[in-house]
PDB file of N, CA and C in Angstrom:
ATOM      1  N   MET A   1     -29.251   6.370  -4.525  1.00  0.00           N
ATOM      2  CA  MET A   1     -28.532   5.346  -5.229  1.00  0.00           C
ATOM      3  C   MET A   1     -29.432   4.794  -6.322  1.00  0.00           C
ATOM      4  N   SER A   2     -29.097   5.097  -7.534  1.00  0.00           N
ATOM      5  CA  SER A   2     -29.936   4.694  -8.639  1.00  0.00           C
ATOM      6  C   SER A   2     -29.531   3.352  -9.232  1.00  0.00           C
ATOM      7  N   ASP A   3     -28.451   2.777  -8.769  1.00  0.00           N
ATOM      8  CA  ASP A   3     -27.972   1.504  -9.278  1.00  0.00           C
ATOM      9  C   ASP A   3     -28.972   0.402  -8.929  1.00  0.00           C
ATOM     10  N   PRO A   4     -29.201  -0.554  -9.847  1.00  0.00           N
ATOM     11  CA  PRO A   4     -30.144  -1.636  -9.546  1.00  0.00           C
ATOM     12  C   PRO A   4     -29.686  -2.530  -8.398  1.00  0.00           C
ATOM     13  N   SER A   5     -28.441  -2.402  -7.980  1.00  0.00           N
ATOM     14  CA  SER A   5     -27.937  -3.210  -6.859  1.00  0.00           C
ATOM     15  C   SER A   5     -28.238  -2.581  -5.507  1.00  0.00           C
ATOM     16  N   ALA A   6     -28.990  -1.490  -5.473  1.00  0.00           N
ATOM     17  CA  ALA A   6     -29.273  -0.798  -4.213  1.00  0.00           C
ATOM     18  C   ALA A   6     -29.875  -1.701  -3.139  1.00  0.00           C
ATOM     19  N   PRO A   7     -30.703  -2.710  -3.467  1.00  0.00           N
ATOM     20  CA  PRO A   7     -31.172  -3.612  -2.414  1.00  0.00           C
ATOM     21  C   PRO A   7     -30.010  -4.288  -1.687  1.00  0.00           C
ATOM     22  N   LEU A   8     -28.917  -4.464  -2.376  1.00  0.00           N
ATOM     23  CA  LEU A   8     -27.723  -5.022  -1.756  1.00  0.00           C
ATOM     24  C   LEU A   8     -27.238  -4.110  -0.638  1.00  0.00           C
ATOM     25  N   PHE A   9     -27.249  -2.814  -0.874  1.00  0.00           N
ATOM     26  CA  PHE A   9     -26.858  -1.858   0.164  1.00  0.00           C
ATOM     27  C   PHE A   9     -27.800  -1.957   1.365  1.00  0.00           C
ATOM     28  N   THR A  10     -29.085  -1.942   1.104  1.00  0.00           N
ATOM     29  CA  THR A  10     -30.083  -1.954   2.174  1.00  0.00           C
ATOM     30  C   THR A  10     -29.968  -3.215   3.024  1.00  0.00           C
ATOM     31  N   ARG A  11     -29.835  -4.347   2.379  1.00  0.00           N
ATOM     32  CA  ARG A  11     -29.736  -5.604   3.124  1.00  0.00           C
ATOM     33  C   ARG A  11     -28.429  -5.684   3.912  1.00  0.00           C
ATOM     34  N   THR A  12     -27.355  -5.169   3.343  1.00  0.00           N
ATOM     35  CA  THR A  12     -26.077  -5.163   4.052  1.00  0.00           C
ATOM     36  C   THR A  12     -26.147  -4.227   5.251  1.00  0.00           C
ATOM     37  N   TYR A  13     -26.712  -3.056   5.051  1.00  0.00           N
ATOM     38  CA  TYR A  13     -26.875  -2.084   6.133  1.00  0.00           C
ATOM     39  C   TYR A  13     -27.668  -2.708   7.282  1.00  0.00           C
ATOM     40  N   ASP A  14     -28.771  -3.385   6.948  1.00  0.00           N
ATOM     41  CA  ASP A  14     -29.597  -4.015   7.981  1.00  0.00           C
ATOM     42  C   ASP A  14     -28.828  -5.097   8.740  1.00  0.00           C
ATOM     43  N   LEU A  15     -28.009  -5.864   8.029  1.00  0.00           N
ATOM     44  CA  LEU A  15     -27.206  -6.893   8.695  1.00  0.00           C
ATOM     45  C   LEU A  15     -26.178  -6.257   9.626  1.00  0.00           C
ATOM     46  N   VAL A  16     -25.531  -5.195   9.192  1.00  0.00           N
ATOM     47  CA  VAL A  16     -24.542  -4.511  10.029  1.00  0.00           C
ATOM     48  C   VAL A  16     -25.211  -3.982  11.296  1.00  0.00           C
ATOM     49  N   LEU A  17     -26.364  -3.397  11.152  1.00  0.00           N
ATOM     50  CA  LEU A  17     -27.100  -2.890  12.308  1.00  0.00           C
ATOM     51  C   LEU A  17     -27.448  -4.032  13.266  1.00  0.00           C
ATOM     52  N   TRP A  18     -27.952  -5.136  12.740  1.00  0.00           N
ATOM     53  CA  TRP A  18     -28.309  -6.292  13.561  1.00  0.00           C
ATOM     54  C   TRP A  18     -27.077  -6.840  14.279  1.00  0.00           C
ATOM     55  N   LEU A  19     -25.964  -6.962  13.553  1.00  0.00           N
ATOM     56  CA  LEU A  19     -24.733  -7.478  14.156  1.00  0.00           C
ATOM     57  C   LEU A  19     -24.205  -6.557  15.251  1.00  0.00           C
ATOM     58  N   SER A  20     -24.308  -5.257  15.037  1.00  0.00           N
ATOM     59  CA  SER A  20     -23.797  -4.330  16.059  1.00  0.00           C
ATOM     60  C   SER A  20     -24.579  -4.475  17.356  1.00  0.00           C
ATOM     61  N   GLU A  21     -25.870  -4.736  17.246  1.00  0.00           N
ATOM     62  CA  GLU A  21     -26.675  -4.947  18.446  1.00  0.00           C
ATOM     63  C   GLU A  21     -26.277  -6.245  19.152  1.00  0.00           C
ATOM     64  N   ARG A  22     -25.960  -7.276  18.390  1.00  0.00           N
ATOM     65  CA  ARG A  22     -25.579  -8.562  18.979  1.00  0.00           C
ATOM     66  C   ARG A  22     -24.194  -8.501  19.617  1.00  0.00           C
ATOM     67  N   THR A  23     -23.243  -7.888  18.947  1.00  0.00           N
ATOM     68  CA  THR A  23     -21.871  -7.893  19.467  1.00  0.00           C
ATOM     69  C   THR A  23     -21.712  -7.002  20.692  1.00  0.00           C
ATOM     70  N   GLU A  24     -22.630  -6.057  20.891  1.00  0.00           N
ATOM     71  CA  GLU A  24     -22.572  -5.225  22.096  1.00  0.00           C
ATOM     72  C   GLU A  24     -22.779  -6.049  23.358  1.00  0.00           C
ATOM     73  N   SER A  25     -23.445  -7.198  23.217  1.00  0.00           N
ATOM     74  CA  SER A  25     -23.708  -8.034  24.384  1.00  0.00           C
ATOM     75  C   SER A  25     -22.596  -9.053  24.636  1.00  0.00           C
ATOM     76  N   PHE A  26     -21.560  -9.071  23.807  1.00  0.00           N
ATOM     77  CA  PHE A  26     -20.436  -9.976  24.036  1.00  0.00           C
ATOM     78  C   PHE A  26     -19.762  -9.590  25.343  1.00  0.00           C
ATOM     79  N   PRO A  27     -19.190 -10.563  26.036  1.00  0.00           N
ATOM     80  CA  PRO A  27     -18.428 -10.232  27.253  1.00  0.00           C
ATOM     81  C   PRO A  27     -17.310  -9.246  26.928  1.00  0.00           C
ATOM     82  N   ARG A  28     -16.986  -8.436  27.871  1.00  0.00           N
ATOM     83  CA  ARG A  28     -15.965  -7.400  27.668  1.00  0.00           C
ATOM     84  C   ARG A  28     -14.675  -7.971  27.090  1.00  0.00           C
ATOM     85  N   SER A  29     -14.296  -9.149  27.523  1.00  0.00           N
ATOM     86  CA  SER A  29     -13.048  -9.760  27.058  1.00  0.00           C
ATOM     87  C   SER A  29     -13.085 -10.083  25.566  1.00  0.00           C
ATOM     88  N   GLN A  30     -14.280 -10.188  24.992  1.00  0.00           N
ATOM     89  CA  GLN A  30     -14.409 -10.526  23.571  1.00  0.00           C
ATOM     90  C   GLN A  30     -14.719  -9.315  22.690  1.00  0.00           C
ATOM     91  N   ARG A  31     -15.049  -8.181  23.309  1.00  0.00           N
ATOM     92  CA  ARG A  31     -15.440  -7.009  22.519  1.00  0.00           C
ATOM     93  C   ARG A  31     -14.309  -6.450  21.681  1.00  0.00           C
ATOM     94  N   PHE A  32     -13.088  -6.605  22.154  1.00  0.00           N
ATOM     95  CA  PHE A  32     -11.956  -6.063  21.402  1.00  0.00           C
ATOM     96  C   PHE A  32     -11.280  -7.139  20.569  1.00  0.00           C
ATOM     97  N   GLY A  33     -11.774  -8.354  20.646  1.00  0.00           N
ATOM     98  CA  GLY A  33     -11.232  -9.455  19.880  1.00  0.00           C
ATOM     99  C   GLY A  33     -12.197  -9.871  18.788  1.00  0.00           C
ATOM    100  N   LEU A  34     -12.971 -10.878  19.090  1.00  0.00           N
ATOM    101  CA  LEU A  34     -13.869 -11.457  18.103  1.00  0.00           C
ATOM    102  C   LEU A  34     -14.959 -10.481  17.665  1.00  0.00           C
ATOM    103  N   ALA A  35     -15.552  -9.766  18.586  1.00  0.00           N
ATOM    104  CA  ALA A  35     -16.590  -8.798  18.214  1.00  0.00           C
ATOM    105  C   ALA A  35     -16.029  -7.730  17.279  1.00  0.00           C
ATOM    106  N   ALA A  36     -14.815  -7.280  17.566  1.00  0.00           N
ATOM    107  CA  ALA A  36     -14.193  -6.267  16.715  1.00  0.00           C
ATOM    108  C   ALA A  36     -13.937  -6.814  15.313  1.00  0.00           C
ATOM    109  N   ARG A  37     -13.531  -8.071  15.220  1.00  0.00           N
ATOM    110  CA  ARG A  37     -13.290  -8.677  13.904  1.00  0.00           C
ATOM    111  C   ARG A  37     -14.596  -8.828  13.129  1.00  0.00           C
ATOM    112  N   ILE A  38     -15.636  -9.264  13.820  1.00  0.00           N
ATOM    113  CA  ILE A  38     -16.946  -9.397  13.176  1.00  0.00           C
ATOM    114  C   ILE A  38     -17.393  -8.052  12.627  1.00  0.00           C
ATOM    115  N   MET A  39     -17.306  -7.032  13.457  1.00  0.00           N
ATOM    116  CA  MET A  39     -17.777  -5.722  13.023  1.00  0.00           C
ATOM    117  C   MET A  39     -16.871  -5.119  11.944  1.00  0.00           C
ATOM    118  N   ALA A  40     -15.582  -5.396  11.999  1.00  0.00           N
ATOM    119  CA  ALA A  40     -14.678  -4.888  10.959  1.00  0.00           C
ATOM    120  C   ALA A  40     -15.049  -5.474   9.599  1.00  0.00           C
ATOM    121  N   GLN A  41     -15.351  -6.765   9.565  1.00  0.00           N
ATOM    122  CA  GLN A  41     -15.730  -7.385   8.284  1.00  0.00           C
ATOM    123  C   GLN A  41     -17.100  -6.894   7.824  1.00  0.00           C
ATOM    124  N   ALA A  42     -18.029  -6.747   8.755  1.00  0.00           N
ATOM    125  CA  ALA A  42     -19.357  -6.253   8.396  1.00  0.00           C
ATOM    126  C   ALA A  42     -19.264  -4.829   7.845  1.00  0.00           C
ATOM    127  N   HIS A  43     -18.506  -3.980   8.535  1.00  0.00           N
ATOM    128  CA  HIS A  43     -18.328  -2.608   8.050  1.00  0.00           C
ATOM    129  C   HIS A  43     -17.566  -2.593   6.734  1.00  0.00           C
ATOM    130  N   GLY A  44     -16.602  -3.478   6.605  1.00  0.00           N
ATOM    131  CA  GLY A  44     -15.846  -3.568   5.352  1.00  0.00           C
ATOM    132  C   GLY A  44     -16.746  -3.912   4.174  1.00  0.00           C
ATOM    133  N   ALA A  45     -17.646  -4.855   4.382  1.00  0.00           N
ATOM    134  CA  ALA A  45     -18.588  -5.225   3.316  1.00  0.00           C
ATOM    135  C   ALA A  45     -19.478  -4.037   2.961  1.00  0.00           C
ATOM    136  N   LEU A  46     -19.999  -3.370   3.985  1.00  0.00           N
ATOM    137  CA  LEU A  46     -20.874  -2.221   3.747  1.00  0.00           C
ATOM    138  C   LEU A  46     -20.132  -1.096   3.022  1.00  0.00           C
ATOM    139  N   GLU A  47     -18.917  -0.816   3.458  1.00  0.00           N
ATOM    140  CA  GLU A  47     -18.125   0.238   2.809  1.00  0.00           C
ATOM    141  C   GLU A  47     -17.831  -0.103   1.353  1.00  0.00           C
ATOM    142  N   SER A  48     -17.427  -1.334   1.097  1.00  0.00           N
ATOM    143  CA  SER A  48     -17.094  -1.734  -0.266  1.00  0.00           C
ATOM    144  C   SER A  48     -18.316  -1.698  -1.177  1.00  0.00           C
ATOM    145  N   ILE A  49     -19.442  -2.138  -0.663  1.00  0.00           N
ATOM    146  CA  ILE A  49     -20.679  -2.109  -1.459  1.00  0.00           C
ATOM    147  C   ILE A  49     -21.084  -0.671  -1.742  1.00  0.00           C
ATOM    148  N   THR A  50     -20.995   0.176  -0.741  1.00  0.00           N
ATOM    149  CA  THR A  50     -21.346   1.588  -0.924  1.00  0.00           C
ATOM    150  C   THR A  50     -20.468   2.233  -1.990  1.00  0.00           C
ATOM    151  N   LEU A  51     -19.161   2.003  -1.892  1.00  0.00           N
ATOM    152  CA  LEU A  51     -18.240   2.601  -2.866  1.00  0.00           C
ATOM    153  C   LEU A  51     -18.467   2.046  -4.266  1.00  0.00           C
ATOM    154  N   ALA A  52     -18.703   0.743  -4.363  1.00  0.00           N
ATOM    155  CA  ALA A  52     -18.960   0.146  -5.674  1.00  0.00           C
ATOM    156  C   ALA A  52     -20.233   0.708  -6.293  1.00  0.00           C
ATOM    157  N   LEU A  53     -21.265   0.876  -5.473  1.00  0.00           N
ATOM    158  CA  LEU A  53     -22.514   1.449  -5.980  1.00  0.00           C
ATOM    159  C   LEU A  53     -22.316   2.879  -6.475  1.00  0.00           C
ATOM    160  N   ARG A  54     -21.402   3.582  -5.854  1.00  0.00           N
ATOM    161  CA  ARG A  54     -21.106   4.962  -6.253  1.00  0.00           C
ATOM    162  C   ARG A  54     -20.130   5.025  -7.427  1.00  0.00           C
ATOM    163  N   GLY A  55     -19.632   3.861  -7.861  1.00  0.00           N
ATOM    164  CA  GLY A  55     -18.769   3.814  -9.036  1.00  0.00           C
ATOM    165  C   GLY A  55     -17.281   3.923  -8.760  1.00  0.00           C
ATOM    166  N   PHE A  56     -16.888   3.879  -7.506  1.00  0.00           N
ATOM    167  CA  PHE A  56     -15.473   3.973  -7.154  1.00  0.00           C
ATOM    168  C   PHE A  56     -14.839   2.589  -7.232  1.00  0.00           C
ATOM    169  N   ASP A  57     -13.893   2.416  -8.134  1.00  0.00           N
ATOM    170  CA  ASP A  57     -13.184   1.137  -8.281  1.00  0.00           C
ATOM    171  C   ASP A  57     -14.142  -0.038  -8.131  1.00  0.00           C
ATOM    172  N   ARG A  58     -15.175  -0.028  -8.948  1.00  0.00           N
ATOM    173  CA  ARG A  58     -16.276  -0.976  -8.807  1.00  0.00           C
ATOM    174  C   ARG A  58     -15.819  -2.431  -8.685  1.00  0.00           C
ATOM    175  N   GLU A  59     -15.001  -2.889  -9.600  1.00  0.00           N
ATOM    176  CA  GLU A  59     -14.589  -4.299  -9.574  1.00  0.00           C
ATOM    177  C   GLU A  59     -13.817  -4.641  -8.301  1.00  0.00           C
ATOM    178  N   ASP A  60     -12.893  -3.784  -7.910  1.00  0.00           N
ATOM    179  CA  ASP A  60     -12.108  -4.027  -6.695  1.00  0.00           C
ATOM    180  C   ASP A  60     -12.993  -4.034  -5.453  1.00  0.00           C
ATOM    181  N   ASN A  61     -13.924  -3.108  -5.389  1.00  0.00           N
ATOM    182  CA  ASN A  61     -14.796  -3.031  -4.215  1.00  0.00           C
ATOM    183  C   ASN A  61     -15.773  -4.194  -4.145  1.00  0.00           C
ATOM    184  N   VAL A  62     -16.220  -4.683  -5.285  1.00  0.00           N
ATOM    185  CA  VAL A  62     -17.090  -5.859  -5.278  1.00  0.00           C
ATOM    186  C   VAL A  62     -16.298  -7.076  -4.781  1.00  0.00           C
ATOM    187  N   GLU A  63     -15.050  -7.193  -5.214  1.00  0.00           N
ATOM    188  CA  GLU A  63     -14.192  -8.285  -4.724  1.00  0.00           C
ATOM    189  C   GLU A  63     -13.963  -8.167  -3.218  1.00  0.00           C
ATOM    190  N   ARG A  64     -13.719  -6.952  -2.746  1.00  0.00           N
ATOM    191  CA  ARG A  64     -13.509  -6.737  -1.301  1.00  0.00           C
ATOM    192  C   ARG A  64     -14.763  -7.088  -0.501  1.00  0.00           C
ATOM    193  N   ALA A  65     -15.915  -6.721  -1.027  1.00  0.00           N
ATOM    194  CA  ALA A  65     -17.172  -7.050  -0.349  1.00  0.00           C
ATOM    195  C   ALA A  65     -17.348  -8.556  -0.257  1.00  0.00           C
ATOM    196  N   ASP A  66     -17.035  -9.261  -1.327  1.00  0.00           N
ATOM    197  CA  ASP A  66     -17.147 -10.719  -1.343  1.00  0.00           C
ATOM    198  C   ASP A  66     -16.219 -11.338  -0.302  1.00  0.00           C
ATOM    199  N   ALA A  67     -14.994 -10.853  -0.226  1.00  0.00           N
ATOM    200  CA  ALA A  67     -14.023 -11.362   0.749  1.00  0.00           C
ATOM    201  C   ALA A  67     -14.479 -11.059   2.173  1.00  0.00           C
ATOM    202  N   ALA A  68     -14.992  -9.860   2.408  1.00  0.00           N
ATOM    203  CA  ALA A  68     -15.445  -9.486   3.751  1.00  0.00           C
ATOM    204  C   ALA A  68     -16.606 -10.367   4.195  1.00  0.00           C
ATOM    205  N   LEU A  69     -17.515 -10.681   3.280  1.00  0.00           N
ATOM    206  CA  LEU A  69     -18.641 -11.553   3.623  1.00  0.00           C
ATOM    207  C   LEU A  69     -18.157 -12.964   3.964  1.00  0.00           C
ATOM    208  N   ALA A  70     -17.153 -13.453   3.233  1.00  0.00           N
ATOM    209  CA  ALA A  70     -16.606 -14.787   3.511  1.00  0.00           C
ATOM    210  C   ALA A  70     -15.984 -14.827   4.906  1.00  0.00           C
ATOM    211  N   LEU A  71     -15.222 -13.807   5.243  1.00  0.00           N
ATOM    212  CA  LEU A  71     -14.599 -13.760   6.572  1.00  0.00           C
ATOM    213  C   LEU A  71     -15.637 -13.553   7.669  1.00  0.00           C
ATOM    214  N   LEU A  72     -16.636 -12.765   7.395  1.00  0.00           N
ATOM    215  CA  LEU A  72     -17.708 -12.546   8.361  1.00  0.00           C
ATOM    216  C   LEU A  72     -18.375 -13.871   8.715  1.00  0.00           C
ATOM    217  N   TRP A  73     -18.618 -14.695   7.724  1.00  0.00           N
ATOM    218  CA  TRP A  73     -19.222 -16.014   7.935  1.00  0.00           C
ATOM    219  C   TRP A  73     -18.365 -16.844   8.896  1.00  0.00           C
ATOM    220  N   VAL A  74     -17.055 -16.843   8.672  1.00  0.00           N
ATOM    221  CA  VAL A  74     -16.136 -17.619   9.516  1.00  0.00           C
ATOM    222  C   VAL A  74     -16.140 -17.096  10.947  1.00  0.00           C
ATOM    223  N   TYR A  75     -16.046 -15.782  11.120  1.00  0.00           N
ATOM    224  CA  TYR A  75     -16.001 -15.206  12.471  1.00  0.00           C
ATOM    225  C   TYR A  75     -17.307 -15.434  13.230  1.00  0.00           C
ATOM    226  N   LEU A  76     -18.418 -15.406  12.534  1.00  0.00           N
ATOM    227  CA  LEU A  76     -19.688 -15.672  13.216  1.00  0.00           C
ATOM    228  C   LEU A  76     -19.793 -17.132  13.641  1.00  0.00           C
ATOM    229  N   ARG A  77     -19.302 -18.008  12.816  1.00  0.00           N
ATOM    230  CA  ARG A  77     -19.299 -19.420  13.196  1.00  0.00           C
ATOM    231  C   ARG A  77     -18.419 -19.638  14.416  1.00  0.00           C
ATOM    232  N   LEU A  78     -17.282 -18.978  14.435  1.00  0.00           N
ATOM    233  CA  LEU A  78     -16.389 -19.061  15.590  1.00  0.00           C
ATOM    234  C   LEU A  78     -17.091 -18.520  16.845  1.00  0.00           C
ATOM    235  N   ALA A  79     -17.799 -17.418  16.698  1.00  0.00           N
ATOM    236  CA  ALA A  79     -18.536 -16.834  17.832  1.00  0.00           C
ATOM    237  C   ALA A  79     -19.594 -17.796  18.337  1.00  0.00           C
ATOM    238  N   CYS A  80     -20.233 -18.510  17.444  1.00  0.00           N
ATOM    239  CA  CYS A  80     -21.237 -19.497  17.857  1.00  0.00           C
ATOM    240  C   CYS A  80     -20.568 -20.658  18.587  1.00  0.00           C
ATOM    241  N   ASP A  81     -19.445 -21.135  18.053  1.00  0.00           N
ATOM    242  CA  ASP A  81     -18.729 -22.229  18.704  1.00  0.00           C
ATOM    243  C   ASP A  81     -18.222 -21.831  20.088  1.00  0.00           C
ATOM    244  N   ARG A  82     -17.948 -20.549  20.275  1.00  0.00           N
ATOM    245  CA  ARG A  82     -17.500 -20.065  21.588  1.00  0.00           C
ATOM    246  C   ARG A  82     -18.684 -19.659  22.461  1.00  0.00           C
ATOM    247  N   LYS A  83     -19.884 -19.927  21.970  1.00  0.00           N
ATOM    248  CA  LYS A  83     -21.139 -19.676  22.691  1.00  0.00           C
ATOM    249  C   LYS A  83     -21.394 -18.189  22.959  1.00  0.00           C
ATOM    250  N   LEU A  84     -20.928 -17.356  22.038  1.00  0.00           N
ATOM    251  CA  LEU A  84     -21.183 -15.925  22.124  1.00  0.00           C
ATOM    252  C   LEU A  84     -22.413 -15.542  21.292  1.00  0.00           C
ATOM    253  N   VAL A  85     -22.764 -16.408  20.370  1.00  0.00           N
ATOM    254  CA  VAL A  85     -23.934 -16.227  19.498  1.00  0.00           C
ATOM    255  C   VAL A  85     -24.707 -17.545  19.535  1.00  0.00           C
ATOM    256  N   ARG A  86     -26.016 -17.452  19.671  1.00  0.00           N
ATOM    257  CA  ARG A  86     -26.842 -18.661  19.687  1.00  0.00           C
ATOM    258  C   ARG A  86     -26.961 -19.245  18.280  1.00  0.00           C
ATOM    259  N   ARG A  87     -27.200 -20.541  18.205  1.00  0.00           N
ATOM    260  CA  ARG A  87     -27.332 -21.221  16.904  1.00  0.00           C
ATOM    261  C   ARG A  87     -28.404 -20.560  16.037  1.00  0.00           C
ATOM    262  N   ARG A  88     -29.511 -20.195  16.652  1.00  0.00           N
ATOM    263  CA  ARG A  88     -30.594 -19.558  15.897  1.00  0.00           C
ATOM    264  C   ARG A  88     -30.133 -18.229  15.313  1.00  0.00           C
ATOM    265  N   GLN A  89     -29.375 -17.468  16.097  1.00  0.00           N
ATOM    266  CA  GLN A  89     -28.835 -16.199  15.605  1.00  0.00           C
ATOM    267  C   GLN A  89     -27.831 -16.445  14.483  1.00  0.00           C
ATOM    268  N   LEU A  90     -27.004 -17.462  14.650  1.00  0.00           N
ATOM    269  CA  LEU A  90     -26.045 -17.807  13.607  1.00  0.00           C
ATOM    270  C   LEU A  90     -26.791 -18.174  12.327  1.00  0.00           C
ATOM    271  N   GLY A  91     -27.822 -18.980  12.450  1.00  0.00           N
ATOM    272  CA  GLY A  91     -28.616 -19.366  11.277  1.00  0.00           C
ATOM    273  C   GLY A  91     -29.185 -18.158  10.561  1.00  0.00           C
ATOM    274  N   PHE A  92     -29.714 -17.224  11.323  1.00  0.00           N
ATOM    275  CA  PHE A  92     -30.267 -15.996  10.742  1.00  0.00           C
ATOM    276  C   PHE A  92     -29.192 -15.219   9.991  1.00  0.00           C
ATOM    277  N   ALA A  93     -28.036 -15.035  10.643  1.00  0.00           N
ATOM    278  CA  ALA A  93     -26.949 -14.261  10.040  1.00  0.00           C
ATOM    279  C   ALA A  93     -26.389 -14.957   8.802  1.00  0.00           C
ATOM    280  N   ILE A  94     -26.221 -16.271   8.872  1.00  0.00           N
ATOM    281  CA  ILE A  94     -25.670 -17.011   7.740  1.00  0.00           C
ATOM    282  C   ILE A  94     -26.607 -16.927   6.544  1.00  0.00           C
ATOM    283  N   GLU A  95     -27.908 -17.024   6.778  1.00  0.00           N
ATOM    284  CA  GLU A  95     -28.875 -16.871   5.678  1.00  0.00           C
ATOM    285  C   GLU A  95     -28.700 -15.509   5.004  1.00  0.00           C
ATOM    286  N   ARG A  96     -28.546 -14.467   5.805  1.00  0.00           N
ATOM    287  CA  ARG A  96     -28.379 -13.117   5.250  1.00  0.00           C
ATOM    288  C   ARG A  96     -27.057 -12.993   4.492  1.00  0.00           C
ATOM    289  N   ILE A  97     -25.993 -13.546   5.071  1.00  0.00           N
ATOM    290  CA  ILE A  97     -24.686 -13.469   4.429  1.00  0.00           C
ATOM    291  C   ILE A  97     -24.695 -14.235   3.108  1.00  0.00           C
ATOM    292  N   GLU A  98     -25.327 -15.396   3.091  1.00  0.00           N
ATOM    293  CA  GLU A  98     -25.395 -16.169   1.849  1.00  0.00           C
ATOM    294  C   GLU A  98     -26.219 -15.447   0.793  1.00  0.00           C
ATOM    295  N   GLU A  99     -27.305 -14.802   1.208  1.00  0.00           N
ATOM    296  CA  GLU A  99     -28.107 -14.011   0.275  1.00  0.00           C
ATOM    297  C   GLU A  99     -27.267 -12.872  -0.308  1.00  0.00           C
ATOM    298  N   LEU A 100     -26.550 -12.164   0.560  1.00  0.00           N
ATOM    299  CA  LEU A 100     -25.685 -11.080   0.101  1.00  0.00           C
ATOM    300  C   LEU A 100     -24.592 -11.621  -0.813  1.00  0.00           C
ATOM    301  N   GLY A 101     -24.046 -12.778  -0.468  1.00  0.00           N
ATOM    302  CA  GLY A 101     -23.023 -13.399  -1.301  1.00  0.00           C
ATOM    303  C   GLY A 101     -23.533 -13.717  -2.698  1.00  0.00           C
ATOM    304  N   ARG A 102     -24.763 -14.203  -2.783  1.00  0.00           N
ATOM    305  CA  ARG A 102     -25.354 -14.471  -4.102  1.00  0.00           C
ATOM    306  C   ARG A 102     -25.530 -13.179  -4.893  1.00  0.00           C
ATOM    307  N   MET A 103     -25.949 -12.136  -4.212  1.00  0.00           N
ATOM    308  CA  MET A 103     -26.134 -10.847  -4.887  1.00  0.00           C
ATOM    309  C   MET A 103     -24.795 -10.297  -5.371  1.00  0.00           C
ATOM    310  N   VAL A 104     -23.783 -10.364  -4.528  1.00  0.00           N
ATOM    311  CA  VAL A 104     -22.444  -9.890  -4.900  1.00  0.00           C
ATOM    312  C   VAL A 104     -21.905 -10.761  -6.038  1.00  0.00           C
ATOM    313  N   GLY A 105     -22.115 -12.072  -5.955  1.00  0.00           N
ATOM    314  CA  GLY A 105     -21.670 -12.971  -7.011  1.00  0.00           C
ATOM    315  C   GLY A 105     -22.303 -12.651  -8.344  1.00  0.00           C
ATOM    316  N   GLY A 106     -23.589 -12.345  -8.325  1.00  0.00           N
ATOM    317  CA  GLY A 106     -24.264 -11.946  -9.562  1.00  0.00           C
ATOM    318  C   GLY A 106     -23.699 -10.655 -10.123  1.00  0.00           C
ATOM    319  N   TRP A 107     -23.380  -9.751  -9.239  1.00  0.00           N
ATOM    320  CA  TRP A 107     -22.801  -8.467  -9.658  1.00  0.00           C
ATOM    321  C   TRP A 107     -21.415  -8.694 -10.264  1.00  0.00           C
ATOM    322  N   LYS A 108     -20.639  -9.584  -9.639  1.00  0.00           N
ATOM    323  CA  LYS A 108     -19.302  -9.900 -10.159  1.00  0.00           C
ATOM    324  C   LYS A 108     -19.403 -10.460 -11.584  1.00  0.00           C
ATOM    325  N   LYS A 109     -20.379 -11.317 -11.826  1.00  0.00           N
ATOM    326  CA  LYS A 109     -20.534 -11.894 -13.167  1.00  0.00           C
ATOM    327  C   LYS A 109     -20.888 -10.825 -14.188  1.00  0.00           C
ATOM    328  N   ARG A 110     -21.710  -9.867 -13.786  1.00  0.00           N
ATOM    329  CA  ARG A 110     -22.097  -8.789 -14.721  1.00  0.00           C
ATOM    330  C   ARG A 110     -20.920  -7.876 -15.034  1.00  0.00           C
ATOM    331  N   LEU A 111     -19.970  -7.772 -14.110  1.00  0.00           N
ATOM    332  CA  LEU A 111     -18.808  -6.916 -14.347  1.00  0.00           C
ATOM    333  C   LEU A 111     -17.835  -7.650 -15.249  1.00  0.00           C
TER     334      LEU A 111
END
């Protein structure tokens, strides 16, 4: 990936990997509900960023990535409120999501 936004891919990939490890420990009753929603948004962000970096419908995919990150933030907060994620873990994830959001926002402005 020769695009200057490649760090965005790497950081998103790392967040998805971290989230997948966390959601595996959710109680079985939550794995097909909240955990699935968290992972769907995380994967959605990663997919959209990957496609945008490759030049496929760049503007649309950047918008989709931004939306997926916004929803991911909400679902993680919900998971914390339901005591499925610790506050410290939520803080870590939110910092990463906000960083990614700033990067995506900068990319949106350049487009």
